């Protein structure tokens, strides 16, 4: 079964940048999209960005457009999230996930596999 492991989180000042990585291991399963969610303790999980494997398109949450970039490595088992111009509102645990593309668009679609998360803290 596929496992997802995130890395790259940490403490960064407002306006700074971080690059998150997610590496998949284990048996390959079919999925249409891979991407990122985030969650602040006590608040609802929110979709951040995903890569649509069916057509190569990308999707971004409105508040991160122009600041975040999702990409896949030469090793297609790895996905990155380059985060620039970070603000305190970006502070959260970021989770890598694979599943249907619709899971980033509509809440009733189910993610197939979740990573354990990596913490991003944006603070001066």
C-alpha atoms as a PDB file:
ATOM      1  CA  UNK A   1       0.000   0.000   0.000  1.00  0.00           C
ATOM      2  CA  UNK A   2       1.205   3.499  -0.801  1.00  0.00           C
ATOM      3  CA  UNK A   3       2.580   5.658   1.992  1.00  0.00           C
ATOM      4  CA  UNK A   4       3.155   9.403   1.788  1.00  0.00           C
ATOM      5  CA  UNK A   5       5.926  11.135   3.709  1.00  0.00           C
ATOM      6  CA  UNK A   6       6.194  14.918   3.848  1.00  0.00           C
ATOM      7  CA  UNK A   7       9.223  17.024   4.635  1.00  0.00           C
ATOM      8  CA  UNK A   8      10.380  20.618   4.404  1.00  0.00           C
ATOM      9  CA  UNK A   9       8.273  22.280   7.050  1.00  0.00           C
ATOM     10  CA  UNK A  10       9.709  24.593   9.646  1.00  0.00           C
ATOM     11  CA  UNK A  11       9.782  28.108  11.013  1.00  0.00           C
ATOM     12  CA  UNK A  12       9.962  30.976   8.548  1.00  0.00           C
ATOM     13  CA  UNK A  13       9.505  34.732   8.822  1.00  0.00           C
ATOM     14  CA  UNK A  14       6.653  36.516   7.054  1.00  0.00           C
ATOM     15  CA  UNK A  15       7.590  37.089   3.438  1.00  0.00           C
ATOM     16  CA  UNK A  16       9.877  34.094   3.434  1.00  0.00           C
ATOM     17  CA  UNK A  17       9.734  30.863   1.501  1.00  0.00           C
ATOM     18  CA  UNK A  18       9.640  27.144   2.095  1.00  0.00           C
ATOM     19  CA  UNK A  19       9.544  24.159  -0.202  1.00  0.00           C
ATOM     20  CA  UNK A  20       7.624  21.112   0.911  1.00  0.00           C
ATOM     21  CA  UNK A  21       8.252  17.653  -0.457  1.00  0.00           C
ATOM     22  CA  UNK A  22       6.103  14.558  -0.494  1.00  0.00           C
ATOM     23  CA  UNK A  23       7.457  11.164  -1.440  1.00  0.00           C
ATOM     24  CA  UNK A  24       5.290   8.160  -2.117  1.00  0.00           C
ATOM     25  CA  UNK A  25       6.489   4.668  -1.356  1.00  0.00           C
ATOM     26  CA  UNK A  26       5.045   1.203  -1.436  1.00  0.00           C
ATOM     27  CA  UNK A  27       2.754  -0.347  -3.977  1.00  0.00           C
ATOM     28  CA  UNK A  28       1.388   1.860  -6.706  1.00  0.00           C
ATOM     29  CA  UNK A  29      -2.304   2.598  -6.664  1.00  0.00           C
ATOM     30  CA  UNK A  30      -4.406   4.428  -9.199  1.00  0.00           C
ATOM     31  CA  UNK A  31      -5.327   7.977  -8.365  1.00  0.00           C
ATOM     32  CA  UNK A  32      -6.252  11.035 -10.382  1.00  0.00           C
ATOM     33  CA  UNK A  33      -4.590  13.733  -8.296  1.00  0.00           C
ATOM     34  CA  UNK A  34      -1.867  14.368  -5.750  1.00  0.00           C
ATOM     35  CA  UNK A  35      -1.541  17.487  -3.692  1.00  0.00           C
ATOM     36  CA  UNK A  36      -1.744  19.289  -0.402  1.00  0.00           C
ATOM     37  CA  UNK A  37      -4.192  20.155   2.337  1.00  0.00           C
ATOM     38  CA  UNK A  38      -3.545  22.105   5.496  1.00  0.00           C
ATOM     39  CA  UNK A  39      -5.123  22.400   8.905  1.00  0.00           C
ATOM     40  CA  UNK A  40      -4.822  24.731  11.859  1.00  0.00           C
ATOM     41  CA  UNK A  41      -5.657  23.215  15.263  1.00  0.00           C
ATOM     42  CA  UNK A  42      -9.294  23.846  16.061  1.00  0.00           C
ATOM     43  CA  UNK A  43     -10.131  24.842  12.505  1.00  0.00           C
ATOM     44  CA  UNK A  44     -11.438  23.064   9.435  1.00  0.00           C
ATOM     45  CA  UNK A  45      -9.052  21.355   7.050  1.00  0.00           C
ATOM     46  CA  UNK A  46      -8.708  23.198   3.764  1.00  0.00           C
ATOM     47  CA  UNK A  47      -7.516  22.263   0.301  1.00  0.00           C
ATOM     48  CA  UNK A  48      -4.362  24.058  -0.821  1.00  0.00           C
ATOM     49  CA  UNK A  49      -3.233  22.742  -4.188  1.00  0.00           C
ATOM     50  CA  UNK A  50      -3.219  19.650  -6.349  1.00  0.00           C
ATOM     51  CA  UNK A  51      -1.806  18.252  -9.540  1.00  0.00           C
ATOM     52  CA  UNK A  52      -4.305  16.569 -11.851  1.00  0.00           C
ATOM     53  CA  UNK A  53      -2.682  13.449 -13.256  1.00  0.00           C
ATOM     54  CA  UNK A  54      -5.362  13.063 -15.915  1.00  0.00           C
ATOM     55  CA  UNK A  55      -4.341  16.180 -17.851  1.00  0.00           C
ATOM     56  CA  UNK A  56      -1.379  17.737 -16.039  1.00  0.00           C
ATOM     57  CA  UNK A  57      -3.395  20.725 -14.868  1.00  0.00           C
ATOM     58  CA  UNK A  58      -3.030  22.303 -11.445  1.00  0.00           C
ATOM     59  CA  UNK A  59      -5.463  23.783  -8.967  1.00  0.00           C
ATOM     60  CA  UNK A  60      -4.816  26.310  -6.197  1.00  0.00           C
ATOM     61  CA  UNK A  61      -6.789  27.708  -3.340  1.00  0.00           C
ATOM     62  CA  UNK A  62      -7.581  31.323  -4.174  1.00  0.00           C
ATOM     63  CA  UNK A  63      -5.554  32.738  -1.288  1.00  0.00           C
ATOM     64  CA  UNK A  64      -2.335  31.001  -2.396  1.00  0.00           C
ATOM     65  CA  UNK A  65      -2.551  31.707  -6.126  1.00  0.00           C
ATOM     66  CA  UNK A  66       0.546  33.459  -7.373  1.00  0.00           C
ATOM     67  CA  UNK A  67       2.480  32.531  -4.231  1.00  0.00           C
ATOM     68  CA  UNK A  68       2.478  28.718  -4.208  1.00  0.00           C
ATOM     69  CA  UNK A  69       3.570  26.413  -7.010  1.00  0.00           C
ATOM     70  CA  UNK A  70       2.976  22.687  -7.138  1.00  0.00           C
ATOM     71  CA  UNK A  71       5.234  20.478  -9.211  1.00  0.00           C
ATOM     72  CA  UNK A  72       6.337  16.895  -9.630  1.00  0.00           C
ATOM     73  CA  UNK A  73       9.900  15.686  -9.515  1.00  0.00           C
ATOM     74  CA  UNK A  74      11.756  13.767 -12.176  1.00  0.00           C
ATOM     75  CA  UNK A  75      10.892  10.855  -9.969  1.00  0.00           C
ATOM     76  CA  UNK A  76       7.120  10.942 -10.371  1.00  0.00           C
ATOM     77  CA  UNK A  77       6.702   9.550  -6.880  1.00  0.00           C
ATOM     78  CA  UNK A  78       7.651  12.965  -5.510  1.00  0.00           C
ATOM     79  CA  UNK A  79       5.583  16.135  -5.448  1.00  0.00           C
ATOM     80  CA  UNK A  80       6.678  19.573  -4.248  1.00  0.00           C
ATOM     81  CA  UNK A  81       4.967  22.678  -2.998  1.00  0.00           C
ATOM     82  CA  UNK A  82       7.036  25.830  -3.363  1.00  0.00           C
ATOM     83  CA  UNK A  83       5.610  28.444  -1.012  1.00  0.00           C
ATOM     84  CA  UNK A  84       6.656  32.073  -1.401  1.00  0.00           C
ATOM     85  CA  UNK A  85       5.618  35.305   0.285  1.00  0.00           C
ATOM     86  CA  UNK A  86       4.374  33.431   3.290  1.00  0.00           C
ATOM     87  CA  UNK A  87       2.107  35.089   5.835  1.00  0.00           C
ATOM     88  CA  UNK A  88       0.927  34.122   9.286  1.00  0.00           C
ATOM     89  CA  UNK A  89      -2.294  32.866   7.704  1.00  0.00           C
ATOM     90  CA  UNK A  90      -0.271  30.115   6.038  1.00  0.00           C
ATOM     91  CA  UNK A  91       0.712  28.639   9.392  1.00  0.00           C
ATOM     92  CA  UNK A  92      -0.667  25.106   9.566  1.00  0.00           C
ATOM     93  CA  UNK A  93       0.150  21.446   9.386  1.00  0.00           C
ATOM     94  CA  UNK A  94       0.441  20.615   5.706  1.00  0.00           C
ATOM     95  CA  UNK A  95      -0.663  17.175   4.561  1.00  0.00           C
ATOM     96  CA  UNK A  96       0.206  15.445   1.333  1.00  0.00           C
ATOM     97  CA  UNK A  97      -2.626  13.422  -0.143  1.00  0.00           C
ATOM     98  CA  UNK A  98      -3.615  11.353  -3.154  1.00  0.00           C
ATOM     99  CA  UNK A  99      -7.126  10.834  -4.406  1.00  0.00           C
ATOM    100  CA  UNK A 100      -9.714  12.019  -6.886  1.00  0.00           C
ATOM    101  CA  UNK A 101      -9.249  15.511  -8.241  1.00  0.00           C
ATOM    102  CA  UNK A 102     -12.677  16.403  -6.900  1.00  0.00           C
ATOM    103  CA  UNK A 103     -11.483  15.963  -3.316  1.00  0.00           C
ATOM    104  CA  UNK A 104      -9.775  19.353  -3.567  1.00  0.00           C
ATOM    105  CA  UNK A 105     -12.894  20.937  -5.020  1.00  0.00           C
ATOM    106  CA  UNK A 106     -15.799  19.365  -3.161  1.00  0.00           C
ATOM    107  CA  UNK A 107     -15.628  18.157   0.413  1.00  0.00           C
ATOM    108  CA  UNK A 108     -17.641  14.977  -0.095  1.00  0.00           C
ATOM    109  CA  UNK A 109     -15.010  13.348  -2.316  1.00  0.00           C
ATOM    110  CA  UNK A 110     -12.742  11.082  -0.285  1.00  0.00           C
ATOM    111  CA  UNK A 111      -8.961  11.138  -0.196  1.00  0.00           C
ATOM    112  CA  UNK A 112      -7.398   7.689  -0.653  1.00  0.00           C
ATOM    113  CA  UNK A 113      -4.119   8.164   1.234  1.00  0.00           C
ATOM    114  CA  UNK A 114      -2.952  10.812   3.703  1.00  0.00           C
ATOM    115  CA  UNK A 115       0.531  11.680   4.809  1.00  0.00           C
ATOM    116  CA  UNK A 116       1.232  12.396   8.466  1.00  0.00           C
ATOM    117  CA  UNK A 117       1.875  16.067   7.892  1.00  0.00           C
ATOM    118  CA  UNK A 118       4.651  18.616   8.246  1.00  0.00           C
ATOM    119  CA  UNK A 119       4.325  21.773  10.317  1.00  0.00           C
ATOM    120  CA  UNK A 120       4.798  25.183   8.738  1.00  0.00           C
ATOM    121  CA  UNK A 121       5.045  28.107  11.137  1.00  0.00           C
ATOM    122  CA  UNK A 122       5.187  31.642   9.776  1.00  0.00           C
ATOM    123  CA  UNK A 123       6.153  34.070  12.505  1.00  0.00           C
ATOM    124  CA  UNK A 124       8.470  36.992  13.100  1.00  0.00           C
END
